[in-house]
């Protein structure tokens, strides 16, 4: 059996929570998952997955920016139910048709 050494890393709180839940479902702990990752790096002599920036269409990037702005706009219209939203969309379509 190989000798192990304690290692400390910094992980975003939410990322660690989500990863721990996933690993629990897979029957492994954080240490086991990190060891698997590191062994794959050594075996492949690099990252065990492609690292690159996502490529989004211009329309998707624009929609994402608009969603960010709306999320922080205190004057943005909100709906309590899906039915309220549907009614607002129906009125909007009717107004556009006139």
N, C-alpha and C. Protein backbone atom coordinates (compact mmCIF):
# COMPACT_ATOMS: atom_id res chain seq x y z
N UNK A 1 0.84 -1.18 0.00
CA UNK A 1 0.00 0.00 0.00
C UNK A 1 0.89 1.24 0.00
N UNK A 2 0.52 2.24 -0.80
CA UNK A 2 1.34 3.45 -0.88
C UNK A 2 1.08 4.35 0.31
N UNK A 3 2.07 5.17 0.60
CA UNK A 3 1.96 6.13 1.69
C UNK A 3 1.20 7.35 1.21
N UNK A 4 0.33 7.86 2.04
CA UNK A 4 -0.43 9.06 1.68
C UNK A 4 0.05 10.24 2.51
N UNK A 5 -0.24 11.43 2.02
CA UNK A 5 0.15 12.65 2.71
C UNK A 5 -1.06 13.58 2.75
N UNK A 6 -1.35 14.19 3.87
CA UNK A 6 -2.48 15.13 3.93
C UNK A 6 -2.22 16.32 2.99
N UNK A 7 -3.23 16.71 2.27
CA UNK A 7 -3.13 17.83 1.34
C UNK A 7 -4.33 18.75 1.56
N UNK A 8 -4.07 20.03 1.55
CA UNK A 8 -5.14 20.99 1.77
C UNK A 8 -5.37 21.80 0.50
N UNK A 9 -6.63 21.93 0.08
CA UNK A 9 -6.97 22.73 -1.10
C UNK A 9 -8.14 23.64 -0.76
N UNK A 10 -8.26 24.74 -1.48
CA UNK A 10 -9.38 25.66 -1.30
C UNK A 10 -10.42 25.38 -2.38
N UNK A 11 -11.68 25.24 -1.94
CA UNK A 11 -12.78 24.94 -2.85
C UNK A 11 -13.94 25.86 -2.51
N UNK A 12 -14.58 26.38 -3.54
CA UNK A 12 -15.79 27.19 -3.36
C UNK A 12 -16.81 26.37 -2.55
N UNK A 13 -17.46 27.01 -1.60
CA UNK A 13 -18.39 26.32 -0.68
C UNK A 13 -19.48 25.58 -1.45
N UNK A 14 -20.12 26.26 -2.40
CA UNK A 14 -21.23 25.63 -3.14
C UNK A 14 -20.73 24.48 -4.02
N UNK A 15 -19.58 24.67 -4.66
CA UNK A 15 -19.01 23.61 -5.49
C UNK A 15 -18.70 22.38 -4.64
N UNK A 16 -18.13 22.59 -3.46
CA UNK A 16 -17.82 21.46 -2.58
C UNK A 16 -19.08 20.75 -2.14
N UNK A 17 -20.14 21.50 -1.80
CA UNK A 17 -21.39 20.89 -1.37
C UNK A 17 -21.97 20.03 -2.49
N UNK A 18 -22.02 20.59 -3.70
CA UNK A 18 -22.59 19.84 -4.83
C UNK A 18 -21.75 18.62 -5.18
N UNK A 19 -20.42 18.80 -5.18
CA UNK A 19 -19.54 17.67 -5.51
C UNK A 19 -19.63 16.58 -4.45
N UNK A 20 -19.67 16.97 -3.18
CA UNK A 20 -19.78 15.97 -2.10
C UNK A 20 -21.06 15.16 -2.23
N UNK A 21 -22.16 15.83 -2.57
CA UNK A 21 -23.44 15.12 -2.76
C UNK A 21 -23.34 14.14 -3.93
N UNK A 22 -22.73 14.57 -5.01
CA UNK A 22 -22.55 13.70 -6.17
C UNK A 22 -21.68 12.49 -5.81
N UNK A 23 -20.55 12.75 -5.16
CA UNK A 23 -19.65 11.66 -4.81
C UNK A 23 -20.31 10.67 -3.85
N UNK A 24 -21.12 11.18 -2.93
CA UNK A 24 -21.86 10.31 -2.01
C UNK A 24 -22.73 9.34 -2.80
N UNK A 25 -23.41 9.87 -3.82
CA UNK A 25 -24.26 9.01 -4.66
C UNK A 25 -23.43 7.97 -5.40
N UNK A 26 -22.19 8.33 -5.73
CA UNK A 26 -21.31 7.40 -6.44
C UNK A 26 -20.59 6.44 -5.51
N UNK A 27 -20.75 6.66 -4.18
CA UNK A 27 -20.13 5.78 -3.21
C UNK A 27 -18.66 6.08 -2.93
N UNK A 28 -18.25 7.31 -3.22
CA UNK A 28 -16.87 7.71 -2.91
C UNK A 28 -16.89 9.00 -2.11
N UNK A 29 -15.77 9.32 -1.49
CA UNK A 29 -15.67 10.58 -0.76
C UNK A 29 -14.82 11.57 -1.56
N UNK A 30 -14.67 12.77 -1.02
CA UNK A 30 -13.91 13.82 -1.71
C UNK A 30 -12.47 13.38 -1.94
N UNK A 31 -11.86 12.76 -0.94
CA UNK A 31 -10.48 12.31 -1.06
C UNK A 31 -10.33 11.30 -2.20
N UNK A 32 -11.25 10.36 -2.26
CA UNK A 32 -11.22 9.36 -3.32
C UNK A 32 -11.37 9.98 -4.70
N UNK A 33 -12.27 10.96 -4.80
CA UNK A 33 -12.50 11.63 -6.08
C UNK A 33 -11.27 12.42 -6.51
N UNK A 34 -10.65 13.13 -5.57
CA UNK A 34 -9.44 13.91 -5.89
C UNK A 34 -8.32 12.96 -6.30
N UNK A 35 -8.18 11.84 -5.60
CA UNK A 35 -7.16 10.86 -5.98
C UNK A 35 -7.39 10.32 -7.39
N UNK A 36 -8.64 10.03 -7.73
CA UNK A 36 -8.95 9.55 -9.08
C UNK A 36 -8.56 10.60 -10.12
N UNK A 37 -8.92 11.85 -9.84
CA UNK A 37 -8.59 12.94 -10.75
C UNK A 37 -7.08 13.02 -10.95
N UNK A 38 -6.32 13.03 -9.86
CA UNK A 38 -4.86 13.16 -9.95
C UNK A 38 -4.23 11.98 -10.68
N UNK A 39 -4.74 10.77 -10.43
CA UNK A 39 -4.20 9.59 -11.13
C UNK A 39 -4.46 9.67 -12.63
N UNK A 40 -5.64 10.16 -13.00
CA UNK A 40 -5.94 10.33 -14.42
C UNK A 40 -5.02 11.39 -15.05
N UNK A 41 -4.73 12.46 -14.33
CA UNK A 41 -3.80 13.48 -14.83
C UNK A 41 -2.44 12.86 -15.11
N UNK A 42 -1.95 12.04 -14.17
CA UNK A 42 -0.65 11.39 -14.34
C UNK A 42 -0.69 10.42 -15.51
N UNK A 43 -1.72 9.58 -15.59
CA UNK A 43 -1.83 8.60 -16.68
C UNK A 43 -1.88 9.26 -18.05
N UNK A 44 -2.60 10.37 -18.16
CA UNK A 44 -2.78 11.05 -19.44
C UNK A 44 -1.71 12.11 -19.70
N UNK A 45 -0.90 12.37 -18.68
CA UNK A 45 0.12 13.42 -18.78
C UNK A 45 -0.52 14.77 -19.12
N UNK A 46 -1.63 15.04 -18.49
CA UNK A 46 -2.37 16.28 -18.68
C UNK A 46 -3.73 16.17 -18.03
N UNK A 47 -4.54 17.15 -18.29
CA UNK A 47 -5.89 17.13 -17.73
C UNK A 47 -6.69 15.99 -18.36
N UNK A 48 -7.53 15.31 -17.58
CA UNK A 48 -8.29 14.19 -18.13
C UNK A 48 -9.56 14.62 -18.88
N UNK A 49 -9.62 15.89 -19.23
CA UNK A 49 -10.75 16.43 -20.00
C UNK A 49 -10.25 17.66 -20.72
N UNK A 50 -10.98 18.06 -21.74
CA UNK A 50 -10.61 19.25 -22.51
C UNK A 50 -10.94 20.50 -21.71
N UNK A 51 -10.01 21.44 -21.67
CA UNK A 51 -10.23 22.70 -20.98
C UNK A 51 -10.28 23.80 -22.03
N UNK A 52 -11.46 24.40 -22.19
CA UNK A 52 -11.60 25.49 -23.16
C UNK A 52 -12.81 26.33 -22.79
N UNK A 53 -12.84 27.50 -23.32
CA UNK A 53 -13.97 28.39 -23.10
C UNK A 53 -15.15 27.87 -23.92
N UNK A 54 -16.36 27.92 -23.35
CA UNK A 54 -17.53 27.49 -24.12
C UNK A 54 -17.77 28.43 -25.30
N UNK A 55 -18.25 27.86 -26.37
CA UNK A 55 -18.54 28.66 -27.56
C UNK A 55 -20.06 28.80 -27.69
N UNK A 56 -20.55 30.02 -27.46
CA UNK A 56 -21.98 30.28 -27.55
C UNK A 56 -22.27 31.14 -28.77
N UNK A 57 -23.43 30.95 -29.34
CA UNK A 57 -23.86 31.81 -30.43
C UNK A 57 -24.09 33.22 -29.90
N UNK A 58 -23.97 34.20 -30.77
CA UNK A 58 -24.15 35.60 -30.40
C UNK A 58 -25.50 35.81 -29.73
N UNK A 59 -26.54 35.17 -30.26
CA UNK A 59 -27.89 35.34 -29.71
C UNK A 59 -27.98 34.81 -28.28
N UNK A 60 -27.28 33.72 -28.01
CA UNK A 60 -27.29 33.13 -26.67
C UNK A 60 -26.59 34.06 -25.69
N UNK A 61 -25.44 34.60 -26.10
CA UNK A 61 -24.70 35.53 -25.24
C UNK A 61 -25.54 36.78 -24.95
N UNK A 62 -26.24 37.28 -25.95
CA UNK A 62 -27.10 38.46 -25.76
C UNK A 62 -28.24 38.13 -24.79
N UNK A 63 -28.84 36.96 -24.94
CA UNK A 63 -29.93 36.55 -24.05
C UNK A 63 -29.43 36.38 -22.63
N UNK A 64 -28.23 35.84 -22.46
CA UNK A 64 -27.66 35.67 -21.13
C UNK A 64 -27.41 37.03 -20.47
N UNK A 65 -26.92 37.99 -21.24
CA UNK A 65 -26.67 39.33 -20.71
C UNK A 65 -27.98 39.99 -20.32
N UNK A 66 -29.00 39.85 -21.16
CA UNK A 66 -30.31 40.42 -20.85
C UNK A 66 -30.89 39.79 -19.58
N UNK A 67 -30.72 38.48 -19.42
CA UNK A 67 -31.22 37.80 -18.22
C UNK A 67 -30.52 38.32 -16.97
N UNK A 68 -29.20 38.55 -17.06
CA UNK A 68 -28.46 39.09 -15.92
C UNK A 68 -29.00 40.47 -15.54
N UNK A 69 -29.23 41.31 -16.56
CA UNK A 69 -29.73 42.65 -16.29
C UNK A 69 -31.12 42.60 -15.66
N UNK A 70 -31.98 41.75 -16.18
CA UNK A 70 -33.34 41.63 -15.64
C UNK A 70 -33.32 41.11 -14.20
N UNK A 71 -32.40 40.21 -13.92
CA UNK A 71 -32.31 39.63 -12.58
C UNK A 71 -31.97 40.68 -11.53
N UNK A 72 -31.30 41.75 -11.94
CA UNK A 72 -30.89 42.80 -11.01
C UNK A 72 -31.73 44.06 -11.13
N UNK A 73 -32.77 44.02 -11.97
CA UNK A 73 -33.62 45.19 -12.19
C UNK A 73 -34.81 45.15 -11.23
N UNK A 74 -34.84 46.04 -10.24
CA UNK A 74 -35.95 46.01 -9.28
C UNK A 74 -37.29 46.39 -9.92
N UNK A 75 -37.27 46.97 -11.11
CA UNK A 75 -38.50 47.37 -11.79
C UNK A 75 -38.99 46.33 -12.80
N UNK A 76 -38.26 45.23 -12.93
CA UNK A 76 -38.66 44.20 -13.89
C UNK A 76 -39.96 43.55 -13.42
N UNK A 77 -40.82 43.26 -14.39
CA UNK A 77 -42.10 42.64 -14.06
C UNK A 77 -41.87 41.21 -13.57
N UNK A 78 -42.57 40.82 -12.52
CA UNK A 78 -42.46 39.46 -11.99
C UNK A 78 -43.85 38.82 -11.93
N UNK A 79 -43.87 37.52 -11.82
CA UNK A 79 -45.13 36.77 -11.80
C UNK A 79 -45.09 35.77 -10.65
N UNK A 80 -46.21 35.62 -9.98
CA UNK A 80 -46.28 34.67 -8.86
C UNK A 80 -46.58 33.26 -9.34
N UNK A 81 -47.26 33.15 -10.48
CA UNK A 81 -47.60 31.82 -11.01
C UNK A 81 -47.34 31.80 -12.51
N UNK A 82 -47.26 30.60 -13.04
CA UNK A 82 -47.09 30.44 -14.47
C UNK A 82 -48.31 30.97 -15.21
N UNK A 83 -49.47 30.82 -14.60
CA UNK A 83 -50.70 31.32 -15.22
C UNK A 83 -50.65 32.84 -15.37
N UNK A 84 -50.12 33.54 -14.35
CA UNK A 84 -49.96 34.99 -14.45
C UNK A 84 -49.05 35.35 -15.62
N UNK A 85 -47.98 34.61 -15.77
CA UNK A 85 -47.05 34.84 -16.88
C UNK A 85 -47.75 34.61 -18.22
N UNK A 86 -48.51 33.52 -18.34
CA UNK A 86 -49.22 33.22 -19.58
C UNK A 86 -50.20 34.34 -19.93
N UNK A 87 -50.91 34.85 -18.93
CA UNK A 87 -51.86 35.93 -19.16
C UNK A 87 -51.13 37.18 -19.64
N UNK A 88 -50.01 37.50 -19.04
CA UNK A 88 -49.22 38.67 -19.46
C UNK A 88 -48.74 38.49 -20.90
N UNK A 89 -48.32 37.30 -21.25
CA UNK A 89 -47.86 37.04 -22.62
C UNK A 89 -49.02 37.14 -23.62
N UNK A 90 -50.21 36.67 -23.22
CA UNK A 90 -51.38 36.77 -24.08
C UNK A 90 -51.70 38.24 -24.36
N UNK A 91 -51.67 39.06 -23.29
CA UNK A 91 -51.93 40.50 -23.45
C UNK A 91 -50.86 41.15 -24.33
N UNK A 92 -49.61 40.73 -24.14
CA UNK A 92 -48.52 41.29 -24.92
C UNK A 92 -48.71 40.98 -26.41
N UNK A 93 -49.06 39.74 -26.73
CA UNK A 93 -49.27 39.34 -28.12
C UNK A 93 -50.45 40.12 -28.71
N UNK A 94 -51.51 40.27 -27.95
CA UNK A 94 -52.66 41.02 -28.43
C UNK A 94 -52.28 42.47 -28.72
N UNK A 95 -51.50 43.09 -27.84
CA UNK A 95 -51.06 44.47 -28.05
C UNK A 95 -50.18 44.58 -29.29
N UNK A 96 -49.33 43.60 -29.53
CA UNK A 96 -48.44 43.64 -30.68
C UNK A 96 -49.22 43.48 -31.99
N UNK A 97 -50.32 42.74 -31.95
CA UNK A 97 -51.12 42.51 -33.14
C UNK A 97 -51.94 43.73 -33.54
N UNK A 98 -52.15 44.65 -32.60
CA UNK A 98 -52.98 45.83 -32.89
C UNK A 98 -52.18 46.93 -33.53
